[in-house]
Amino acid sequence: MSGFIKVSAGQACKVAEAFDGRWEWKAANSVVKEAIDADGCVIAYLDGTGYYVHTSYATLDLSHITA
């Protein structure tokens, strides 16, 4: 997936929480779990190498979010 940057698990969860993302597997045998926002867009994902968020969310100050 392009347009994503690797972040900590906590940061990815905060992005998902801030934008009402829900974590889901897109396919039964998928190795990628995605956080989907209310518009159906992928805002973060987890794969075998770590957590990633969309670059537009990567630098937001989400220190006020508990996730």
C-alpha atoms as a PDB file:
ATOM      1  CA  MET A   1       0.000   0.000   0.000  1.00  0.00           C
ATOM      2  CA  SER A   2       1.461   3.344  -0.963  1.00  0.00           C
ATOM      3  CA  GLY A   3       0.980   6.576   0.945  1.00  0.00           C
ATOM      4  CA  PHE A   4       1.511   4.939   4.328  1.00  0.00           C
ATOM      5  CA  ILE A   5       4.288   5.290   6.880  1.00  0.00           C
ATOM      6  CA  LYS A   6       5.400   2.860   9.570  1.00  0.00           C
ATOM      7  CA  VAL A   7       4.453   3.908  13.119  1.00  0.00           C
ATOM      8  CA  SER A   8       4.117   2.387  16.571  1.00  0.00           C
ATOM      9  CA  ALA A   9       1.125   0.226  17.441  1.00  0.00           C
ATOM     10  CA  GLY A  10      -0.062   2.950  19.812  1.00  0.00           C
ATOM     11  CA  GLN A  11       0.032   5.641  17.128  1.00  0.00           C
ATOM     12  CA  ALA A  12      -1.893   3.460  14.667  1.00  0.00           C
ATOM     13  CA  CYS A  13      -4.542   2.722  17.290  1.00  0.00           C
ATOM     14  CA  LYS A  14      -4.822   6.428  18.147  1.00  0.00           C
ATOM     15  CA  VAL A  15      -5.359   7.303  14.478  1.00  0.00           C
ATOM     16  CA  ALA A  16      -8.043   4.634  14.209  1.00  0.00           C
ATOM     17  CA  GLU A  17      -9.725   5.883  17.393  1.00  0.00           C
ATOM     18  CA  ALA A  18      -9.559   9.552  16.366  1.00  0.00           C
ATOM     19  CA  PHE A  19     -11.260   8.886  13.036  1.00  0.00           C
ATOM     20  CA  ASP A  20     -13.738   6.231  14.198  1.00  0.00           C
ATOM     21  CA  GLY A  21     -11.833   3.524  12.378  1.00  0.00           C
ATOM     22  CA  ARG A  22     -12.769  -0.096  12.855  1.00  0.00           C
ATOM     23  CA  TRP A  23     -10.128  -2.793  12.519  1.00  0.00           C
ATOM     24  CA  GLU A  24     -11.103  -5.616  10.179  1.00  0.00           C
ATOM     25  CA  TRP A  25      -9.716  -8.330   7.958  1.00  0.00           C
ATOM     26  CA  LYS A  26     -10.690  -7.677   4.309  1.00  0.00           C
ATOM     27  CA  ALA A  27     -10.439 -11.340   3.322  1.00  0.00           C
ATOM     28  CA  ALA A  28     -10.617 -14.650   5.154  1.00  0.00           C
ATOM     29  CA  ASN A  29      -6.937 -15.526   4.663  1.00  0.00           C
ATOM     30  CA  SER A  30      -5.544 -12.004   4.613  1.00  0.00           C
ATOM     31  CA  VAL A  31      -2.306 -11.188   6.400  1.00  0.00           C
ATOM     32  CA  VAL A  32      -3.294  -7.509   6.541  1.00  0.00           C
ATOM     33  CA  LYS A  33      -5.703  -6.072   9.095  1.00  0.00           C
ATOM     34  CA  GLU A  34      -7.044  -2.645   8.130  1.00  0.00           C
ATOM     35  CA  ALA A  35      -8.571   0.242  10.057  1.00  0.00           C
ATOM     36  CA  ILE A  36     -11.450   1.540   7.947  1.00  0.00           C
ATOM     37  CA  ASP A  37     -12.980   4.982   8.607  1.00  0.00           C
ATOM     38  CA  ALA A  38     -16.659   5.920   8.265  1.00  0.00           C
ATOM     39  CA  ASP A  39     -16.168   6.740   4.567  1.00  0.00           C
ATOM     40  CA  GLY A  40     -14.741   3.279   3.867  1.00  0.00           C
ATOM     41  CA  CYS A  41     -11.159   4.486   3.474  1.00  0.00           C
ATOM     42  CA  VAL A  42      -8.152   2.640   4.855  1.00  0.00           C
ATOM     43  CA  ILE A  43      -6.513   4.931   7.399  1.00  0.00           C
ATOM     44  CA  ALA A  44      -4.163   2.418   9.014  1.00  0.00           C
ATOM     45  CA  TYR A  45      -3.153  -1.194   8.654  1.00  0.00           C
ATOM     46  CA  LEU A  46      -1.171  -3.956  10.300  1.00  0.00           C
ATOM     47  CA  ASP A  47       0.823  -6.500   8.373  1.00  0.00           C
ATOM     48  CA  GLY A  48       3.658  -8.891   9.135  1.00  0.00           C
ATOM     49  CA  THR A  49       6.174  -6.059   9.323  1.00  0.00           C
ATOM     50  CA  GLY A  50       4.310  -3.672  11.626  1.00  0.00           C
ATOM     51  CA  TYR A  51       1.715  -0.917  11.872  1.00  0.00           C
ATOM     52  CA  TYR A  52       1.239   1.768   9.240  1.00  0.00           C
ATOM     53  CA  VAL A  53      -0.925   4.898   8.986  1.00  0.00           C
ATOM     54  CA  HIS A  54      -1.793   7.075   6.034  1.00  0.00           C
ATOM     55  CA  THR A  55       0.857   9.770   5.678  1.00  0.00           C
ATOM     56  CA  SER A  56      -1.733  12.523   6.066  1.00  0.00           C
ATOM     57  CA  TYR A  57      -2.372  11.311   9.644  1.00  0.00           C
ATOM     58  CA  ALA A  58       1.172  10.376  10.614  1.00  0.00           C
ATOM     59  CA  THR A  59       2.192  13.752  12.048  1.00  0.00           C
ATOM     60  CA  LEU A  60      -1.039  14.709  13.814  1.00  0.00           C
ATOM     61  CA  ASP A  61      -0.815  15.413  17.541  1.00  0.00           C
ATOM     62  CA  LEU A  62      -3.043  12.734  19.016  1.00  0.00           C
ATOM     63  CA  SER A  63      -1.700  12.928  22.551  1.00  0.00           C
ATOM     64  CA  HIS A  64      -5.228  13.636  23.810  1.00  0.00           C
ATOM     65  CA  ILE A  65      -6.508  10.290  22.410  1.00  0.00           C
ATOM     66  CA  THR A  66      -6.471   7.245  24.651  1.00  0.00           C
ATOM     67  CA  ALA A  67      -6.179   4.021  22.729  1.00  0.00           C
END
